């Protein structure tokens, strides 16, 4: 039996969750701060009393579907609205995108590396790309990634490309940030001894559901 202050929140649609998340990101960026897991969770909890692991779960879903952009920089994980592109990228036939590819791989931080298709998708999401009609971004990326590999900037393993260094992976960075968010949140008592969810982990088990905390 769960705490009497909690209630299932299945009535909250995914589109509503997405709006809350994007509003939180916009608010945090307006405050000139980095939209981390902790800050996004705190911003949502100010108006909607849900557990941090539930917010993290919805944030991960938004990232997977491309509705939210995750960026890893120097081991720190933050999130962006892909509809707001502050970075401009103007390309011509002779543009070398090696540095752009390296930066994309660093920010993606995917375990084992990223595919060229994934890199292209990320670049399109994170940049306002300006290209002439005679330029094909996919072809230009294929040429540029070969240059990056030849220069030793990028390593190719099958279909995957990764940086030569060992930057923290997404799973490590997200887990650390989510755990920090869970630790900073107020604790809630749970009377169910068989509950496998551990709020300190920042995640919920696949068969669990989000719950709202009624204050």
Protein backbone atom coordinates (compact mmCIF):
# COMPACT_ATOMS: atom_id res chain seq x y z
CA UNK A 1 0.00 0.00 0.00
CA UNK A 2 1.42 3.34 -1.03
CA UNK A 3 1.45 6.50 0.99
CA UNK A 4 -2.01 8.06 1.30
CA UNK A 5 -0.60 11.33 0.01
CA UNK A 6 0.14 9.77 -3.37
CA UNK A 7 -2.23 9.20 -6.28
CA UNK A 8 -1.74 7.66 -9.73
CA UNK A 9 -1.20 10.33 -12.37
CA UNK A 10 -2.16 8.40 -15.50
CA UNK A 11 -4.52 11.26 -16.40
CA UNK A 12 -1.53 13.51 -17.17
CA UNK A 13 -0.84 13.12 -20.90
CA UNK A 14 2.60 12.86 -22.45
CA UNK A 15 2.01 16.12 -24.32
CA UNK A 16 1.32 17.84 -21.00
CA UNK A 17 4.50 16.43 -19.52
CA UNK A 18 6.43 17.65 -22.56
CA UNK A 19 5.02 21.16 -22.15
CA UNK A 20 6.05 21.18 -18.47
CA UNK A 21 9.57 20.04 -19.37
CA UNK A 22 10.06 22.57 -22.17
CA UNK A 23 8.63 25.36 -20.01
CA UNK A 24 11.07 24.39 -17.24
CA UNK A 25 14.01 24.42 -19.68
CA UNK A 26 12.99 27.84 -21.01
CA UNK A 27 12.61 29.23 -17.50
CA UNK A 28 16.02 27.93 -16.41
CA UNK A 29 17.77 29.25 -19.51
CA UNK A 30 16.06 32.62 -19.00
CA UNK A 31 17.70 32.66 -15.56
CA UNK A 32 21.08 32.18 -17.30
CA UNK A 33 21.49 28.75 -15.73
CA UNK A 34 22.22 25.28 -17.14
CA UNK A 35 19.04 23.16 -17.51
CA UNK A 36 20.27 20.13 -15.57
CA UNK A 37 18.15 17.22 -14.33
CA UNK A 38 18.12 18.72 -10.85
CA UNK A 39 16.98 22.18 -12.01
CA UNK A 40 14.34 20.82 -14.38
CA UNK A 41 13.00 18.58 -11.63
CA UNK A 42 12.94 21.46 -9.15
CA UNK A 43 11.19 23.79 -11.63
CA UNK A 44 8.44 21.23 -12.32
CA UNK A 45 8.01 20.35 -8.66
CA UNK A 46 7.35 24.02 -7.86
CA UNK A 47 3.99 23.72 -9.62
CA UNK A 48 3.34 19.97 -9.92
CA UNK A 49 4.10 17.74 -6.96
CA UNK A 50 5.57 14.61 -8.54
CA UNK A 51 8.46 12.43 -7.47
CA UNK A 52 11.85 13.17 -9.04
CA UNK A 53 12.17 9.67 -10.49
CA UNK A 54 8.88 10.23 -12.33
CA UNK A 55 10.15 13.51 -13.81
CA UNK A 56 13.40 11.83 -14.88
CA UNK A 57 11.40 9.04 -16.53
CA UNK A 58 9.34 11.53 -18.55
CA UNK A 59 12.46 13.53 -19.44
CA UNK A 60 14.14 10.39 -20.80
CA UNK A 61 11.07 9.61 -22.92
CA UNK A 62 11.17 13.14 -24.36
CA UNK A 63 14.86 12.71 -25.25
CA UNK A 64 14.27 9.35 -26.92
CA UNK A 65 11.59 10.76 -29.19
CA UNK A 66 13.70 13.81 -30.07
CA UNK A 67 11.39 16.31 -28.40
CA UNK A 68 14.18 17.35 -26.03
CA UNK A 69 17.88 17.56 -26.83
CA UNK A 70 20.40 16.22 -24.34
CA UNK A 71 23.89 17.77 -24.29
CA UNK A 72 26.92 16.51 -22.37
CA UNK A 73 29.77 18.95 -21.88
CA UNK A 74 32.77 18.26 -19.62
CA UNK A 75 30.87 15.47 -17.90
CA UNK A 76 27.85 17.65 -17.13
CA UNK A 77 24.46 16.79 -18.61
CA UNK A 78 22.00 19.48 -19.66
CA UNK A 79 18.91 19.70 -21.87
CA UNK A 80 17.73 21.96 -24.69
CA UNK A 81 14.61 22.68 -26.67
CA UNK A 82 15.50 21.53 -30.23
CA UNK A 83 13.09 24.14 -31.56
CA UNK A 84 15.34 26.92 -30.28
CA UNK A 85 18.57 26.90 -32.29
CA UNK A 86 21.01 29.52 -31.05
CA UNK A 87 23.91 28.10 -33.08
CA UNK A 88 24.16 28.97 -36.75
CA UNK A 89 25.84 26.63 -39.23
CA UNK A 90 26.41 27.88 -42.75
CA UNK A 91 27.80 25.25 -45.12
CA UNK A 92 29.07 25.23 -48.68
CA UNK A 93 30.53 22.47 -50.84
CA UNK A 94 34.00 23.09 -49.43
CA UNK A 95 33.04 23.25 -45.75
CA UNK A 96 34.98 20.89 -43.48
CA UNK A 97 32.64 19.71 -40.73
CA UNK A 98 35.28 17.78 -38.77
CA UNK A 99 35.11 20.13 -35.76
CA UNK A 100 31.32 20.11 -35.84
CA UNK A 101 31.33 16.30 -35.82
CA UNK A 102 33.78 16.19 -32.89
CA UNK A 103 31.62 18.63 -30.92
CA UNK A 104 28.47 16.64 -31.73
CA UNK A 105 30.07 13.39 -30.53
CA UNK A 106 31.24 15.09 -27.35
CA UNK A 107 27.78 16.48 -26.62
CA UNK A 108 25.97 13.27 -27.53
CA UNK A 109 28.23 11.21 -25.26
CA UNK A 110 26.66 7.93 -26.39
CA UNK A 111 28.15 4.74 -24.98
CA UNK A 112 30.21 3.02 -27.69
CA UNK A 113 29.78 5.88 -30.15
CA UNK A 114 27.20 7.30 -32.55
CA UNK A 115 26.15 6.48 -36.09
CA UNK A 116 26.62 9.03 -38.86
CA UNK A 117 22.83 9.25 -39.13
CA UNK A 118 22.59 10.01 -35.42
CA UNK A 119 25.28 12.68 -35.73
CA UNK A 120 23.44 14.31 -38.63
CA UNK A 121 20.15 14.28 -36.73
CA UNK A 122 21.81 15.89 -33.73
CA UNK A 123 23.46 18.60 -35.85
CA UNK A 124 20.12 19.44 -37.50
CA UNK A 125 18.42 19.60 -34.09
CA UNK A 126 21.10 21.69 -32.39
CA UNK A 127 21.93 24.10 -35.24
CA UNK A 128 20.12 26.40 -37.58
CA UNK A 129 21.64 24.93 -40.74
CA UNK A 130 21.96 27.24 -43.74
CA UNK A 131 22.93 25.52 -46.96
CA UNK A 132 22.64 26.24 -50.67
CA UNK A 133 20.62 24.03 -52.98
CA UNK A 134 23.72 22.35 -54.41
CA UNK A 135 24.93 21.17 -50.98
CA UNK A 136 23.92 17.84 -49.45
CA UNK A 137 24.61 17.74 -45.71
CA UNK A 138 24.70 13.92 -45.59
CA UNK A 139 27.36 13.71 -48.31
CA UNK A 140 29.38 16.51 -46.71
CA UNK A 141 29.29 14.73 -43.35
CA UNK A 142 30.53 11.48 -44.92
CA UNK A 143 33.54 13.31 -46.37
CA UNK A 144 34.18 15.24 -43.17
CA UNK A 145 34.04 12.20 -40.89
CA UNK A 146 36.64 10.49 -43.09
CA UNK A 147 38.90 13.51 -42.62
CA UNK A 148 38.29 13.44 -38.86
CA UNK A 149 39.23 9.75 -38.73
CA UNK A 150 42.36 10.34 -40.84
CA UNK A 151 43.46 13.14 -38.49
CA UNK A 152 42.98 10.96 -35.44
CA UNK A 153 40.17 13.11 -34.06
CA UNK A 154 37.57 10.36 -34.36
CA UNK A 155 37.72 6.56 -34.20
CA UNK A 156 35.47 4.42 -36.39
CA UNK A 157 34.29 1.01 -35.15
CA UNK A 158 31.93 -0.51 -37.69
CA UNK A 159 29.02 1.88 -38.14
CA UNK A 160 29.87 3.78 -34.96
CA UNK A 161 32.08 6.81 -34.49
CA UNK A 162 33.50 7.98 -31.18
CA UNK A 163 36.07 10.43 -29.87
CA UNK A 164 39.61 9.24 -29.27
CA UNK A 165 39.34 10.31 -25.62
CA UNK A 166 37.13 8.68 -23.00
CA UNK A 167 34.37 11.17 -22.24
CA UNK A 168 31.69 10.08 -19.72
CA UNK A 169 28.82 8.25 -21.40
CA UNK A 170 25.20 9.41 -21.33
CA UNK A 171 24.16 6.68 -18.90
CA UNK A 172 26.85 7.65 -16.38
CA UNK A 173 26.16 11.39 -16.60
CA UNK A 174 22.37 11.02 -16.45
CA UNK A 175 22.48 8.52 -13.58
CA UNK A 176 24.70 10.83 -11.54
CA UNK A 177 22.52 13.88 -12.22
CA UNK A 178 19.28 12.00 -11.53
CA UNK A 179 20.63 10.60 -8.28
CA UNK A 180 21.59 14.12 -7.20
CA UNK A 181 18.07 15.34 -8.02
CA UNK A 182 16.53 12.55 -5.98
CA UNK A 183 18.80 13.24 -2.99
CA UNK A 184 17.95 16.95 -3.01
CA UNK A 185 14.17 16.35 -3.05
CA UNK A 186 12.05 16.02 0.10
CA UNK A 187 11.71 12.40 1.17
CA UNK A 188 8.35 10.59 1.11
CA UNK A 189 7.43 7.65 3.31
CA UNK A 190 6.34 4.39 1.64
CA UNK A 191 4.54 1.69 3.63
CA UNK A 192 5.05 -1.01 0.99
CA UNK A 193 8.04 -3.16 2.02
CA UNK A 194 7.92 -4.96 -1.34
CA UNK A 195 8.31 -1.79 -3.39
CA UNK A 196 11.37 -2.15 -5.62
CA UNK A 197 11.59 1.55 -6.42
CA UNK A 198 14.48 3.37 -4.81
CA UNK A 199 13.99 7.17 -4.98
CA UNK A 200 17.72 7.66 -4.38
CA UNK A 201 18.53 6.05 -7.74
CA UNK A 202 16.61 8.65 -9.76
CA UNK A 203 14.87 5.92 -11.77
CA UNK A 204 11.83 3.66 -11.45
CA UNK A 205 11.43 0.01 -12.36
CA UNK A 206 9.68 -0.78 -15.70
CA UNK A 207 6.48 -1.97 -14.00
CA UNK A 208 6.12 1.03 -11.74
CA UNK A 209 4.00 4.10 -12.37
CA UNK A 210 4.43 7.79 -11.63
CA UNK A 211 2.60 9.13 -8.64
CA UNK A 212 1.65 12.61 -7.64
CA UNK A 213 2.38 13.76 -4.12
CA UNK A 214 -0.53 15.64 -2.66
CA UNK A 215 0.73 18.27 -0.23
